[in-house]
C-alpha atoms as a PDB file:
ATOM      1  CA  MET A   1     133.723  38.252-102.735  1.00  0.00           C
ATOM      2  CA  ARG A   2     132.885  41.864-103.684  1.00  0.00           C
ATOM      3  CA  HIS A   3     129.488  42.640-106.174  1.00  0.00           C
ATOM      4  CA  ILE A   4     129.796  45.037-108.544  1.00  0.00           C
ATOM      5  CA  SER A   5     125.447  45.691-107.999  1.00  0.00           C
ATOM      6  CA  SER A   6     123.867  42.084-107.666  1.00  0.00           C
ATOM      7  CA  ILE A   7     121.532  39.777-109.547  1.00  0.00           C
ATOM      8  CA  ALA A   8     121.983  35.812-109.070  1.00  0.00           C
ATOM      9  CA  LEU A   9     124.437  33.447-110.651  1.00  0.00           C
ATOM     10  CA  ALA A  10     123.127  31.131-111.826  1.00  0.00           C
ATOM     11  CA  GLY A  11     120.509  29.922-115.434  1.00  0.00           C
ATOM     12  CA  PHE A  12     122.728  32.051-117.319  1.00  0.00           C
ATOM     13  CA  ALA A  13     124.092  31.078-120.592  1.00  0.00           C
ATOM     14  CA  ILE A  14     128.652  31.093-121.297  1.00  0.00           C
ATOM     15  CA  SER A  15     129.610  33.472-123.264  1.00  0.00           C
ATOM     16  CA  SER A  16     132.394  36.608-123.566  1.00  0.00           C
ATOM     17  CA  VAL A  17     132.842  40.498-122.484  1.00  0.00           C
ATOM     18  CA  ALA A  18     134.461  43.194-123.655  1.00  0.00           C
ATOM     19  CA  LEU A  19     134.544  46.329-124.157  1.00  0.00           C
ATOM     20  CA  ALA A  20     134.910  48.469-127.483  1.00  0.00           C
ATOM     21  CA  ASP A  21     138.617  47.542-127.595  1.00  0.00           C
ATOM     22  CA  GLY A  22     138.102  44.118-126.607  1.00  0.00           C
ATOM     23  CA  GLY A  23     139.476  44.140-123.401  1.00  0.00           C
ATOM     24  CA  SER A  24     137.426  44.028-119.972  1.00  0.00           C
ATOM     25  CA  ILE A  25     138.326  47.073-118.519  1.00  0.00           C
ATOM     26  CA  ALA A  26     139.046  50.716-119.527  1.00  0.00           C
ATOM     27  CA  TRP A  27     141.789  53.187-117.604  1.00  0.00           C
ATOM     28  CA  ASP A  28     140.660  56.276-118.511  1.00  0.00           C
ATOM     29  CA  THR A  29     144.790  57.840-117.715  1.00  0.00           C
ATOM     30  CA  ALA A  30     144.099  61.376-119.416  1.00  0.00           C
ATOM     31  CA  ARG A  31     141.336  61.290-115.943  1.00  0.00           C
ATOM     32  CA  ALA A  32     143.755  59.993-113.655  1.00  0.00           C
ATOM     33  CA  ILE A  33     144.395  62.332-110.248  1.00  0.00           C
ATOM     34  CA  SER A  34     147.313  62.265-107.880  1.00  0.00           C
ATOM     35  CA  GLY A  35     148.681  63.803-105.347  1.00  0.00           C
ATOM     36  CA  GLY A  36     150.705  63.750-101.410  1.00  0.00           C
ATOM     37  CA  SER A  37     153.561  64.761 -99.075  1.00  0.00           C
ATOM     38  CA  LYS A  38     157.023  63.768 -97.776  1.00  0.00           C
ATOM     39  CA  GLN A  39     158.055  65.209 -94.150  1.00  0.00           C
ATOM     40  CA  VAL A  40     161.531  64.093 -92.693  1.00  0.00           C
ATOM     41  CA  GLY A  41     162.084  65.210 -89.261  1.00  0.00           C
ATOM     42  CA  PRO A  42     159.967  69.207 -89.425  1.00  0.00           C
ATOM     43  CA  SER A  43     160.545  69.710 -93.009  1.00  0.00           C
ATOM     44  CA  ALA A  44     158.193  68.634 -95.878  1.00  0.00           C
ATOM     45  CA  GLN A  45     157.848  68.923 -98.928  1.00  0.00           C
ATOM     46  CA  GLN A  46     154.702  68.246-102.090  1.00  0.00           C
ATOM     47  CA  VAL A  47     154.938  64.503-103.869  1.00  0.00           C
ATOM     48  CA  CYS A  48     153.596  62.438-106.249  1.00  0.00           C
ATOM     49  CA  ILE A  49     152.779  65.043-108.736  1.00  0.00           C
ATOM     50  CA  LYS A  50     151.470  63.479-112.076  1.00  0.00           C
ATOM     51  CA  ASP A  51     153.710  63.675-115.670  1.00  0.00           C
ATOM     52  CA  VAL A  52     156.364  64.753-113.610  1.00  0.00           C
ATOM     53  CA  ASN A  53     156.883  62.169-111.141  1.00  0.00           C
ATOM     54  CA  THR A  54     153.816  60.261-111.021  1.00  0.00           C
ATOM     55  CA  PHE A  55     152.850  58.433-114.490  1.00  0.00           C
ATOM     56  CA  PHE A  56     150.199  56.392-115.102  1.00  0.00           C
ATOM     57  CA  ILE A  57     149.567  53.783-119.018  1.00  0.00           C
ATOM     58  CA  ASP A  58     147.086  51.736-119.891  1.00  0.00           C
ATOM     59  CA  ALA A  59     148.398  48.802-120.741  1.00  0.00           C
ATOM     60  CA  GLY A  60     144.448  46.712-121.591  1.00  0.00           C
ATOM     61  CA  ASN A  61     143.719  44.707-118.460  1.00  0.00           C
ATOM     62  CA  THR A  62     146.370  46.502-116.618  1.00  0.00           C
ATOM     63  CA  LEU A  63     147.357  49.700-115.236  1.00  0.00           C
ATOM     64  CA  SER A  64     150.389  50.329-114.346  1.00  0.00           C
ATOM     65  CA  VAL A  65     151.435  54.129-112.504  1.00  0.00           C
ATOM     66  CA  LEU A  66     155.033  54.721-112.092  1.00  0.00           C
ATOM     67  CA  LEU A  67     156.387  56.774-108.977  1.00  0.00           C
ATOM     68  CA  THR A  68     159.762  58.542-108.984  1.00  0.00           C
ATOM     69  CA  ASP A  69     159.591  60.014-106.362  1.00  0.00           C
ATOM     70  CA  LEU A  70     158.305  58.090-103.559  1.00  0.00           C
ATOM     71  CA  GLY A  71     160.083  57.263-101.024  1.00  0.00           C
ATOM     72  CA  VAL A  72     162.147  58.212 -98.209  1.00  0.00           C
ATOM     73  CA  ALA A  73     166.107  58.356 -97.192  1.00  0.00           C
ATOM     74  CA  LEU A  74     168.089  58.831 -93.755  1.00  0.00           C
ATOM     75  CA  PRO A  75     171.252  57.997 -94.285  1.00  0.00           C
ATOM     76  CA  SER A  76     173.142  57.075 -91.896  1.00  0.00           C
ATOM     77  CA  GLY A  77     174.368  59.977 -89.574  1.00  0.00           C
ATOM     78  CA  ASP A  78     170.954  62.196 -90.567  1.00  0.00           C
ATOM     79  CA  GLN A  79     170.286  63.739 -88.030  1.00  0.00           C
ATOM     80  CA  SER A  80     166.176  63.082 -88.617  1.00  0.00           C
ATOM     81  CA  LEU A  81     165.420  59.365 -87.404  1.00  0.00           C
ATOM     82  CA  THR A  82     162.079  59.343 -88.307  1.00  0.00           C
ATOM     83  CA  GLY A  83     160.304  59.721 -92.305  1.00  0.00           C
ATOM     84  CA  ARG A  84     157.024  59.564 -94.582  1.00  0.00           C
ATOM     85  CA  ALA A  85     155.278  60.070 -97.261  1.00  0.00           C
ATOM     86  CA  ASN A  86     152.076  58.894 -99.028  1.00  0.00           C
ATOM     87  CA  CYS A  87     150.741  59.663-102.733  1.00  0.00           C
ATOM     88  CA  ARG A  88     146.865  58.850-103.180  1.00  0.00           C
ATOM     89  CA  ILE A  89     145.849  58.499-107.165  1.00  0.00           C
ATOM     90  CA  VAL A  90     142.012  58.464-108.347  1.00  0.00           C
ATOM     91  CA  VAL A  91     141.803  56.459-111.733  1.00  0.00           C
ATOM     92  CA  PRO A  92     138.146  56.598-113.635  1.00  0.00           C
ATOM     93  CA  VAL A  93     137.916  53.670-114.763  1.00  0.00           C
ATOM     94  CA  GLU A  94     134.826  51.219-117.009  1.00  0.00           C
ATOM     95  CA  VAL A  95     134.507  47.483-116.778  1.00  0.00           C
ATOM     96  CA  ALA A  96     132.261  44.841-119.325  1.00  0.00           C
ATOM     97  CA  ARG A  97     128.717  44.797-118.760  1.00  0.00           C
ATOM     98  CA  GLY A  98     127.404  41.579-118.549  1.00  0.00           C
ATOM     99  CA  LEU A  99     127.566  38.983-115.365  1.00  0.00           C
ATOM    100  CA  TYR A 100     131.495  36.845-114.759  1.00  0.00           C
ATOM    101  CA  LEU A 101     133.901  36.635-112.226  1.00  0.00           C
ATOM    102  CA  ALA A 102     137.012  39.011-112.578  1.00  0.00           C
ATOM    103  CA  ASP A 103     139.982  39.061-110.635  1.00  0.00           C
ATOM    104  CA  LEU A 104     141.436  42.559-109.100  1.00  0.00           C
ATOM    105  CA  THR A 105     145.753  42.262-108.763  1.00  0.00           C
ATOM    106  CA  GLN A 106     147.133  45.115-106.752  1.00  0.00           C
ATOM    107  CA  THR A 107     151.164  44.678-107.116  1.00  0.00           C
ATOM    108  CA  VAL A 108     153.598  47.069-104.993  1.00  0.00           C
ATOM    109  CA  THR A 109     156.685  47.077-106.320  1.00  0.00           C
ATOM    110  CA  PHE A 110     159.712  49.104-104.113  1.00  0.00           C
ATOM    111  CA  GLY A 111     163.574  49.046-102.631  1.00  0.00           C
ATOM    112  CA  VAL A 112     164.651  49.044 -98.511  1.00  0.00           C
ATOM    113  CA  VAL A 113     167.421  49.536 -96.892  1.00  0.00           C
ATOM    114  CA  LYS A 114     168.285  48.766 -93.357  1.00  0.00           C
ATOM    115  CA  GLY A 115     169.961  48.925 -90.774  1.00  0.00           C
ATOM    116  CA  SER A 116     169.485  46.743 -86.912  1.00  0.00           C
ATOM    117  CA  GLY A 117     167.764  49.648 -85.479  1.00  0.00           C
ATOM    118  CA  ALA A 118     165.445  50.503 -88.437  1.00  0.00           C
ATOM    119  CA  THR A 119     162.322  49.895 -89.056  1.00  0.00           C
ATOM    120  CA  ALA A 120     160.022  50.207 -92.473  1.00  0.00           C
ATOM    121  CA  ARG A 121     156.651  49.681 -93.881  1.00  0.00           C
ATOM    122  CA  VAL A 122     155.226  50.364 -97.079  1.00  0.00           C
ATOM    123  CA  SER A 123     151.085  49.637 -97.375  1.00  0.00           C
ATOM    124  CA  ALA A 124     149.063  50.804-100.540  1.00  0.00           C
ATOM    125  CA  ASN A 125     144.873  51.355 -98.288  1.00  0.00           C
ATOM    126  CA  SER A 126     143.249  50.935-101.817  1.00  0.00           C
ATOM    127  CA  SER A 127     139.243  51.157-103.104  1.00  0.00           C
ATOM    128  CA  PHE A 128     137.018  49.701-106.151  1.00  0.00           C
ATOM    129  CA  PHE A 129     133.919  50.740-107.245  1.00  0.00           C
ATOM    130  CA  GLY A 130     133.235  52.517-104.325  1.00  0.00           C
ATOM    131  CA  TYR A 131     134.104  49.053-101.852  1.00  0.00           C
ATOM    132  CA  PRO A 132     137.134  49.049 -99.529  1.00  0.00           C
ATOM    133  CA  LEU A 133     139.636  46.625-100.395  1.00  0.00           C
ATOM    134  CA  PRO A 134     141.783  44.938 -97.451  1.00  0.00           C
ATOM    135  CA  LEU A 135     145.248  46.350 -95.973  1.00  0.00           C
ATOM    136  CA  LEU A 136     148.120  45.300 -98.723  1.00  0.00           C
ATOM    137  CA  SER A 137     151.259  46.011 -96.915  1.00  0.00           C
ATOM    138  CA  ARG A 138     154.666  45.077 -95.922  1.00  0.00           C
ATOM    139  CA  GLY A 139     156.265  45.564 -92.021  1.00  0.00           C
ATOM    140  CA  TYR A 140     160.756  45.317 -91.843  1.00  0.00           C
ATOM    141  CA  SER A 141     161.103  45.266 -88.105  1.00  0.00           C
ATOM    142  CA  TRP A 142     164.345  46.227 -86.119  1.00  0.00           C
ATOM    143  CA  GLY A 143     166.965  42.892 -85.579  1.00  0.00           C
ATOM    144  CA  PRO A 144     167.376  42.156 -89.274  1.00  0.00           C
ATOM    145  CA  VAL A 145     169.085  43.525 -91.521  1.00  0.00           C
ATOM    146  CA  VAL A 146     167.742  44.287 -94.916  1.00  0.00           C
ATOM    147  CA  ASN A 147     169.602  45.324 -98.459  1.00  0.00           C
ATOM    148  CA  SER A 148     167.328  44.602-100.994  1.00  0.00           C
ATOM    149  CA  PRO A 149     166.641  46.984-104.144  1.00  0.00           C
ATOM    150  CA  LEU A 150     163.366  44.683-106.009  1.00  0.00           C
ATOM    151  CA  GLU A 151     160.474  44.113-103.545  1.00  0.00           C
ATOM    152  CA  GLN A 152     156.999  42.967-103.395  1.00  0.00           C
ATOM    153  CA  VAL A 153     153.583  42.453-102.036  1.00  0.00           C
ATOM    154  CA  SER A 154     150.581  41.701-104.091  1.00  0.00           C
ATOM    155  CA  ARG A 155     147.093  40.281-104.257  1.00  0.00           C
ATOM    156  CA  THR A 156     144.283  39.454-105.509  1.00  0.00           C
ATOM    157  CA  ASP A 157     139.962  40.415-104.826  1.00  0.00           C
ATOM    158  CA  THR A 158     138.034  38.287-106.515  1.00  0.00           C
ATOM    159  CA  PHE A 159     134.458  39.585-108.115  1.00  0.00           C
ATOM    160  CA  ALA A 160     131.203  39.194-109.215  1.00  0.00           C
ATOM    161  CA  VAL A 161     130.745  41.982-111.794  1.00  0.00           C
ATOM    162  CA  ASN A 162     126.624  42.326-112.393  1.00  0.00           C
ATOM    163  CA  THR A 163     125.236  45.181-114.579  1.00  0.00           C
ATOM    164  CA  PRO A 164     121.297  44.644-115.429  1.00  0.00           C
ATOM    165  CA  SER A 165     118.835  46.515-113.459  1.00  0.00           C
ATOM    166  CA  ALA A 166     115.424  45.973-112.265  1.00  0.00           C
ATOM    167  CA  ALA A 167     112.217  45.697-115.371  1.00  0.00           C
ATOM    168  CA  GLY A 168     113.675  45.169-119.232  1.00  0.00           C
ATOM    169  CA  TRP A 169     116.578  44.239-117.396  1.00  0.00           C
ATOM    170  CA  PHE A 170     117.888  42.568-120.225  1.00  0.00           C
ATOM    171  CA  ARG A 171     117.557  45.753-122.512  1.00  0.00           C
ATOM    172  CA  SER A 172     119.740  47.891-120.289  1.00  0.00           C
ATOM    173  CA  TRP A 173     121.919  45.280-119.461  1.00  0.00           C
ATOM    174  CA  CYS A 174     122.945  44.838-122.991  1.00  0.00           C
ATOM    175  CA  LEU A 175     122.389  48.059-124.915  1.00  0.00           C
ATOM    176  CA  GLY A 176     122.998  50.392-122.200  1.00  0.00           C
ATOM    177  CA  ARG A 177     126.980  52.430-121.294  1.00  0.00           C
ATOM    178  CA  GLN A 178     129.624  50.153-119.332  1.00  0.00           C
ATOM    179  CA  PRO A 179     129.522  50.127-115.771  1.00  0.00           C
ATOM    180  CA  LYS A 180     131.531  53.348-114.514  1.00  0.00           C
ATOM    181  CA  GLY A 181     133.793  53.780-111.624  1.00  0.00           C
ATOM    182  CA  ILE A 182     136.712  54.855-109.182  1.00  0.00           C
ATOM    183  CA  TYR A 183     139.621  53.086-108.317  1.00  0.00           C
ATOM    184  CA  THR A 184     141.994  54.172-106.210  1.00  0.00           C
ATOM    185  CA  SER A 185     145.132  54.160-103.446  1.00  0.00           C
ATOM    186  CA  ASN A 186     145.960  55.453-101.234  1.00  0.00           C
ATOM    187  CA  LEU A 187     150.175  55.176-100.957  1.00  0.00           C
ATOM    188  CA  ALA A 188     152.197  55.199 -97.967  1.00  0.00           C
ATOM    189  CA  VAL A 189     156.359  54.488 -97.036  1.00  0.00           C
ATOM    190  CA  GLY A 190     157.283  55.064 -93.372  1.00  0.00           C
ATOM    191  CA  VAL A 191     160.567  54.180 -92.034  1.00  0.00           C
ATOM    192  CA  GLU A 192     162.340  55.447 -88.554  1.00  0.00           C
ATOM    193  CA  LYS A 193     165.895  54.434 -86.603  1.00  0.00           C
ATOM    194  CA  ASN A 194     166.169  54.402 -83.239  1.00  0.00           C
ATOM    195  CA  ASN A 195     170.312  56.566 -83.858  1.00  0.00           C
ATOM    196  CA  ILE A 196     171.850  58.790 -85.789  1.00  0.00           C
ATOM    197  CA  TYR A 197     173.899  56.230 -87.186  1.00  0.00           C
ATOM    198  CA  ASP A 198     171.827  53.574 -88.457  1.00  0.00           C
ATOM    199  CA  GLU A 199     169.956  53.950 -92.236  1.00  0.00           C
ATOM    200  CA  ALA A 200     166.822  52.687 -93.515  1.00  0.00           C
ATOM    201  CA  GLN A 201     165.251  53.747 -96.631  1.00  0.00           C
ATOM    202  CA  LEU A 202     162.665  53.059 -98.385  1.00  0.00           C
ATOM    203  CA  ALA A 203     160.500  54.361-101.698  1.00  0.00           C
ATOM    204  CA  ILE A 204     158.096  52.744-103.994  1.00  0.00           C
ATOM    205  CA  ASP A 205     158.837  52.510-107.680  1.00  0.00           C
ATOM    206  CA  GLY A 206     155.498  51.583-108.880  1.00  0.00           C
ATOM    207  CA  LEU A 207     151.903  50.466-108.823  1.00  0.00           C
ATOM    208  CA  ASP A 208     149.969  47.784-111.413  1.00  0.00           C
ATOM    209  CA  VAL A 209     146.418  46.844-111.250  1.00  0.00           C
ATOM    210  CA  LYS A 210     144.979  44.302-113.525  1.00  0.00           C
ATOM    211  CA  PHE A 211     141.285  43.475-113.856  1.00  0.00           C
ATOM    212  CA  GLU A 212     140.984  39.958-115.528  1.00  0.00           C
ATOM    213  CA  VAL A 213     137.951  38.212-116.032  1.00  0.00           C
ATOM    214  CA  ARG A 214     138.287  34.429-115.011  1.00  0.00           C
ATOM    215  CA  PRO A 215     138.151  31.801-118.516  1.00  0.00           C
ATOM    216  CA  GLY A 216     134.129  30.092-118.271  1.00  0.00           C
ATOM    217  CA  ALA A 217     132.903  33.066-116.189  1.00  0.00           C
ATOM    218  CA  LEU A 218     129.319  33.884-116.742  1.00  0.00           C
ATOM    219  CA  ALA A 219     128.001  36.945-119.176  1.00  0.00           C
ATOM    220  CA  PHE A 220     125.502  37.085-121.194  1.00  0.00           C
ATOM    221  CA  CYS A 221     126.407  40.976-124.036  1.00  0.00           C
ATOM    222  CA  PRO A 222     127.652  40.258-127.174  1.00  0.00           C
ATOM    223  CA  THR A 223     130.429  42.117-128.039  1.00  0.00           C
ATOM    224  CA  ARG A 224     129.072  44.436-130.237  1.00  0.00           C
END
């Protein structure tokens, strides 16, 4: 379990938490940034450009990142045997004041095609409010043939959100500003084949990040 600040969880009333719009988190997609590169053989190019092939969508408690050019394709006959691509995203966030448990769920959606002489891997290395999250990844090894246009890998991490301060904590807790932080993720794709006649391709279509307060979670601040 990760913690945003720290204070004992016992002895508080049950209530609800909310930002001004009624949610538990606000994703600042206007200030989100992205950038990355793709390399196939000796050639490299810039990818993951915001509002060109990378789009941030604030869907309430869920942040959706749509990616239209984050992948590597090594078709049969291609002389290149390895390829990789990465995309780093940074999104400022605010969470509701209070004392509560919340789950952060990350889901990467991708497609993969590979022959028996190829490997492929996708991963997301993320952090939330400065706390590193466990690596989210999936690999496809030599041997099995894979042809799947829709795959997903997902994990959920729990945070104990505690926003009071020291002396006079109740006043500053409930009347202060919402806790601000940053969500970051480095999305990566890698493929390899052992001969020019095989094929390997993997592309990430999107990343969804959901921040959801657990039902009945402890909280203490009014919503207004």
